[in-house]
Protein backbone atom coordinates (compact mmCIF):
# COMPACT_ATOMS: atom_id res chain seq x y z
CA UNK A 1 223.11 -223.39 0.58
CA UNK A 2 219.95 -223.27 -1.54
CA UNK A 3 218.87 -226.41 -3.32
CA UNK A 4 216.31 -226.08 -6.11
CA UNK A 5 214.34 -229.30 -6.20
CA UNK A 6 211.15 -228.79 -8.22
CA UNK A 7 211.59 -226.00 -10.76
CA UNK A 8 208.59 -224.61 -12.59
CA UNK A 9 208.88 -223.15 -16.15
CA UNK A 10 210.59 -219.78 -16.28
CA UNK A 11 208.82 -218.31 -19.29
CA UNK A 12 206.32 -215.53 -18.40
CA UNK A 13 203.37 -217.14 -20.20
CA UNK A 14 203.87 -220.36 -18.24
CA UNK A 15 204.44 -218.80 -14.83
CA UNK A 16 201.74 -216.10 -15.05
CA UNK A 17 198.07 -216.52 -14.25
CA UNK A 18 196.43 -219.43 -16.04
CA UNK A 19 193.65 -218.94 -18.57
CA UNK A 20 190.33 -220.70 -17.93
CA UNK A 21 191.31 -223.42 -20.35
CA UNK A 22 194.66 -223.90 -18.62
CA UNK A 23 192.93 -224.04 -15.25
CA UNK A 24 190.58 -226.73 -16.52
CA UNK A 25 193.49 -228.78 -17.87
CA UNK A 26 195.39 -228.39 -14.58
CA UNK A 27 192.36 -229.51 -12.54
CA UNK A 28 191.91 -232.48 -14.86
CA UNK A 29 195.57 -233.42 -14.38
CA UNK A 30 195.16 -233.11 -10.60
CA UNK A 31 192.13 -235.41 -10.72
CA UNK A 32 194.11 -237.95 -12.74
CA UNK A 33 197.06 -237.76 -10.34
CA UNK A 34 194.78 -238.21 -7.32
CA UNK A 35 193.25 -241.26 -9.00
CA UNK A 36 196.69 -242.61 -9.80
CA UNK A 37 197.76 -242.08 -6.19
CA UNK A 38 194.70 -243.90 -4.93
CA UNK A 39 195.40 -246.90 -7.17
CA UNK A 40 199.03 -247.05 -6.01
CA UNK A 41 198.00 -246.90 -2.35
CA UNK A 42 195.28 -249.52 -2.54
CA UNK A 43 196.73 -251.95 -5.09
CA UNK A 44 200.51 -251.68 -4.95
CA UNK A 45 201.44 -250.25 -1.54
CA UNK A 46 200.84 -253.45 0.46
CA UNK A 47 203.48 -255.23 -1.66
CA UNK A 48 206.21 -252.66 -1.00
CA UNK A 49 208.59 -252.40 1.92
CA UNK A 50 208.78 -249.18 3.90
CA UNK A 51 211.55 -247.43 1.93
CA UNK A 52 209.76 -248.14 -1.35
CA UNK A 53 206.50 -246.79 0.06
CA UNK A 54 208.20 -243.60 1.19
CA UNK A 55 209.78 -243.13 -2.25
CA UNK A 56 206.36 -243.51 -3.88
CA UNK A 57 204.90 -240.90 -1.51
CA UNK A 58 207.78 -238.53 -2.25
CA UNK A 59 207.46 -238.88 -6.03
CA UNK A 60 203.68 -238.49 -5.91
CA UNK A 61 203.99 -235.28 -3.87
CA UNK A 62 206.52 -233.93 -6.36
CA UNK A 63 204.19 -234.66 -9.29
CA UNK A 64 201.31 -232.89 -7.57
CA UNK A 65 203.47 -229.83 -6.91
CA UNK A 66 204.61 -229.69 -10.54
CA UNK A 67 201.00 -229.68 -11.73
CA UNK A 68 200.24 -226.88 -9.26
CA UNK A 69 203.37 -224.96 -10.39
CA UNK A 70 204.85 -224.85 -6.91
CA UNK A 71 208.65 -224.81 -6.88
CA UNK A 72 210.28 -226.06 -3.66
CA UNK A 73 213.46 -224.26 -2.64
CA UNK A 74 215.44 -225.33 0.44
CA UNK A 75 217.75 -223.41 2.74
CA UNK A 76 219.69 -226.37 4.05
CA UNK A 77 219.50 -230.08 3.35
CA UNK A 78 216.78 -232.50 4.54
CA UNK A 79 217.88 -235.15 7.00
CA UNK A 80 218.40 -238.54 5.43
CA UNK A 81 217.14 -241.73 7.03
CA UNK A 82 216.94 -240.50 10.63
CA UNK A 83 213.72 -240.61 12.57
CA UNK A 84 212.69 -237.22 13.91
CA UNK A 85 209.61 -235.22 14.80
CA UNK A 86 209.21 -232.64 12.03
CA UNK A 87 207.25 -229.52 13.01
CA UNK A 88 206.50 -226.37 11.05
CA UNK A 89 204.27 -223.36 10.80
CA UNK A 90 201.01 -224.18 9.02
CA UNK A 91 199.85 -222.15 6.02
CA UNK A 92 198.11 -224.50 3.62
CA UNK A 93 197.18 -228.02 2.56
CA UNK A 94 200.19 -227.53 0.28
CA UNK A 95 202.40 -227.87 3.37
CA UNK A 96 201.87 -231.63 3.42
CA UNK A 97 202.90 -231.99 -0.23
CA UNK A 98 205.97 -229.80 0.28
CA UNK A 99 207.19 -231.72 3.33
CA UNK A 100 206.43 -235.11 1.77
CA UNK A 101 208.37 -234.09 -1.35
CA UNK A 102 211.45 -233.63 0.83
CA UNK A 103 211.06 -235.83 3.90
CA UNK A 104 208.37 -238.46 3.33
CA UNK A 105 206.92 -240.02 6.45
CA UNK A 106 203.84 -240.22 8.65
CA UNK A 107 201.70 -237.11 9.07
CA UNK A 108 199.51 -236.04 11.96
CA UNK A 109 196.23 -234.46 10.83
CA UNK A 110 192.97 -233.34 12.37
CA UNK A 111 190.07 -235.78 12.05
CA UNK A 112 188.21 -233.33 9.76
CA UNK A 113 190.63 -234.30 6.96
CA UNK A 114 188.92 -237.70 6.83
CA UNK A 115 185.85 -235.93 5.42
CA UNK A 116 187.73 -234.29 2.53
CA UNK A 117 186.75 -235.79 -0.84
CA UNK A 118 189.37 -238.30 -2.05
CA UNK A 119 192.13 -236.62 0.01
CA UNK A 120 190.75 -238.09 3.24
CA UNK A 121 190.88 -241.63 1.89
CA UNK A 122 194.36 -241.08 0.47
CA UNK A 123 195.59 -239.74 3.80
CA UNK A 124 194.12 -242.70 5.66
CA UNK A 125 195.62 -245.24 3.25
CA UNK A 126 199.08 -243.64 3.48
CA UNK A 127 199.23 -244.06 7.26
CA UNK A 128 198.23 -240.59 8.44
CA UNK A 129 197.72 -240.37 12.21
CA UNK A 130 194.44 -238.58 12.95
CA UNK A 131 193.63 -236.65 16.08
CA UNK A 132 190.61 -234.87 17.53
CA UNK A 133 192.21 -232.19 19.66
CA UNK A 134 188.99 -231.77 21.65
CA UNK A 135 189.25 -235.36 22.85
CA UNK A 136 191.81 -236.33 25.49
CA UNK A 137 191.49 -239.99 24.48
CA UNK A 138 192.19 -239.15 20.84
CA UNK A 139 195.16 -236.98 21.79
CA UNK A 140 196.67 -239.78 23.88
CA UNK A 141 196.16 -242.23 21.01
CA UNK A 142 197.90 -239.78 18.63
CA UNK A 143 200.91 -239.54 20.95
CA UNK A 144 201.07 -243.33 21.28
CA UNK A 145 200.85 -243.90 17.49
CA UNK A 146 203.41 -241.16 16.81
CA UNK A 147 205.80 -242.60 19.39
CA UNK A 148 205.53 -246.05 17.81
CA UNK A 149 206.14 -244.65 14.32
CA UNK A 150 209.20 -242.73 15.51
CA UNK A 151 210.61 -245.83 17.19
CA UNK A 152 210.09 -247.70 13.92
CA UNK A 153 212.33 -245.17 12.16
CA UNK A 154 209.73 -242.95 10.49
CA UNK A 155 209.82 -239.20 10.33
CA UNK A 156 206.57 -237.99 11.87
CA UNK A 157 205.39 -234.53 10.82
CA UNK A 158 202.78 -232.24 12.33
CA UNK A 159 201.64 -228.67 12.78
CA UNK A 160 201.70 -227.71 16.49
CA UNK A 161 199.67 -224.53 15.89
CA UNK A 162 196.64 -226.75 15.32
CA UNK A 163 195.32 -224.47 12.58
CA UNK A 164 196.53 -222.74 9.44
CA UNK A 165 197.30 -219.04 9.01
CA UNK A 166 198.21 -216.57 6.27
CA UNK A 167 201.90 -217.22 6.94
CA UNK A 168 202.65 -213.80 8.43
CA UNK A 169 203.25 -215.10 11.96
CA UNK A 170 203.15 -218.27 14.08
CA UNK A 171 200.59 -218.98 16.80
CA UNK A 172 201.46 -220.61 20.12
CA UNK A 173 202.35 -224.30 19.80
CA UNK A 174 200.35 -227.05 21.49
CA UNK A 175 202.77 -229.23 23.47
CA UNK A 176 201.04 -232.62 23.16
CA UNK A 177 202.68 -233.47 19.86
CA UNK A 178 206.17 -233.08 21.37
CA UNK A 179 205.45 -235.75 23.96
CA UNK A 180 206.07 -238.34 21.22
CA UNK A 181 209.61 -237.05 20.64
CA UNK A 182 210.37 -237.22 24.37
CA UNK A 183 209.01 -240.77 24.69
CA UNK A 184 210.72 -242.03 21.53
CA UNK A 185 214.00 -240.26 22.34
CA UNK A 186 214.30 -238.58 18.94
CA UNK A 187 215.22 -235.05 17.91
CA UNK A 188 212.80 -232.36 16.75
CA UNK A 189 213.37 -230.83 13.31
CA UNK A 190 211.79 -227.35 13.02
CA UNK A 191 210.88 -226.14 9.53
CA UNK A 192 209.83 -222.72 8.29
CA UNK A 193 207.45 -222.72 5.31
CA UNK A 194 206.88 -219.61 3.22
CA UNK A 195 205.05 -219.26 -0.10
CA UNK A 196 206.36 -216.56 -2.41
CA UNK A 197 205.28 -215.21 -5.75
CA UNK A 198 207.64 -216.61 -8.37
CA UNK A 199 207.96 -213.25 -10.13
CA UNK A 200 208.01 -210.72 -7.27
CA UNK A 201 209.42 -212.74 -4.36
CA UNK A 202 206.66 -211.37 -2.12
CA UNK A 203 204.41 -213.53 0.06
CA UNK A 204 201.84 -215.33 -2.11
CA UNK A 205 198.34 -215.02 -0.64
CA UNK A 206 196.87 -217.76 -2.86
CA UNK A 207 198.59 -220.43 -0.76
CA UNK A 208 196.84 -219.54 2.51
CA UNK A 209 194.06 -221.96 3.50
CA UNK A 210 192.13 -219.95 6.07
CA UNK A 211 188.73 -218.59 7.01
CA UNK A 212 185.81 -219.90 4.96
CA UNK A 213 188.01 -221.58 2.35
CA UNK A 214 187.03 -225.10 1.39
CA UNK A 215 189.58 -227.54 0.03
CA UNK A 216 188.05 -227.32 -3.45
CA UNK A 217 187.93 -223.51 -3.49
CA UNK A 218 191.50 -223.32 -2.19
CA UNK A 219 192.73 -225.72 -4.87
CA UNK A 220 190.97 -223.65 -7.53
CA UNK A 221 192.61 -220.50 -6.15
CA UNK A 222 196.08 -222.06 -6.32
CA UNK A 223 195.49 -223.41 -9.83
CA UNK A 224 194.32 -219.99 -11.07
CA UNK A 225 197.19 -218.06 -9.48
CA UNK A 226 200.64 -217.21 -10.69
CA UNK A 227 203.39 -219.77 -10.09
CA UNK A 228 204.78 -219.79 -6.59
CA UNK A 229 207.88 -220.84 -4.68
CA UNK A 230 207.66 -222.72 -1.42
CA UNK A 231 210.70 -221.67 0.54
CA UNK A 232 211.68 -224.25 3.16
CA UNK A 233 214.15 -223.30 5.85
CA UNK A 234 215.58 -225.97 8.13
CA UNK A 235 216.16 -224.91 11.72
CA UNK A 236 218.71 -226.55 14.01
CA UNK A 237 217.63 -229.99 15.21
CA UNK A 238 216.64 -229.95 18.88
CA UNK A 239 217.72 -232.95 20.95
CA UNK A 240 214.90 -234.31 23.14
CA UNK A 241 217.26 -235.75 25.76
CA UNK A 242 216.52 -234.13 29.14
CA UNK A 243 213.69 -232.07 27.66
CA UNK A 244 209.98 -231.88 28.42
CA UNK A 245 207.23 -231.54 25.84
CA UNK A 246 206.72 -227.93 26.90
CA UNK A 247 210.41 -227.03 26.57
CA UNK A 248 210.54 -228.64 23.10
CA UNK A 249 207.39 -226.80 22.05
CA UNK A 250 208.80 -223.48 23.29
CA UNK A 251 212.20 -223.91 21.61
CA UNK A 252 210.64 -225.07 18.33
CA UNK A 253 208.20 -222.14 18.30
CA UNK A 254 211.00 -219.67 18.96
CA UNK A 255 213.17 -221.19 16.21
CA UNK A 256 210.40 -221.09 13.61
CA UNK A 257 208.98 -217.68 14.53
CA UNK A 258 212.37 -215.96 14.59
CA UNK A 259 213.30 -217.30 11.17
CA UNK A 260 209.90 -216.51 9.70
CA UNK A 261 209.84 -212.90 10.86
CA UNK A 262 213.49 -212.36 9.96
CA UNK A 263 212.94 -213.32 6.33
CA UNK A 264 209.33 -212.23 5.79
CA UNK A 265 209.36 -210.28 2.51
CA UNK A 266 205.88 -208.86 3.05
CA UNK A 267 202.53 -209.51 1.46
CA UNK A 268 202.17 -209.67 -2.30
CA UNK A 269 199.58 -207.22 -3.65
């Protein structure tokens, strides 16, 4: 069952490449939405209970995706109200917005994100769990924080590859993240993320955040591109009972990679 959640305009002049003026307007709207998000996080968030905070995060992510002209299409239905470790392949900074628009929760991110203009502060204020994968102490702290969040009923999401790719394949998963699911006794929810051109249905290269891309240059590339569809496929939930972090990592990787390669429509020209 496919559920369309964030439709973009269907008319060709609205879904095609933006003019320079349209790009400027879109970037201005993004700046305004980032400012709005910051004000909500710093002024209003402390007054809200957890469910209200998660709704605000979800709605903010949806607004950002609409400005960027990214439609989110699901194969399956997001889990509702159950704590789980959500893992997916990693293509772009858009991944966080897509997942938060469906299953808002706590994210695990590399410490470098703290240095991103505005985004780093927003991530910190929204409860992101940061990790330096080169530091054993930081990795242990990440597992402890993630375990606590899962026990508190949050969905905790992360990217076990540890880096982003062009979306054509999935690298080997690091197992540390899965230790939190074992310790908290929650299931793992694998997700497959693909970004497709809204007109051709082929893989959309503008989404990939790789190589020498900076956050600003990547955002400009997405804003200038044709409208895209983020296709989200939910794999079968994997029970952590009786599992090890390595077995969970292996099963999750197999689930995501098989689905990604099975449905890969190829690279858009």
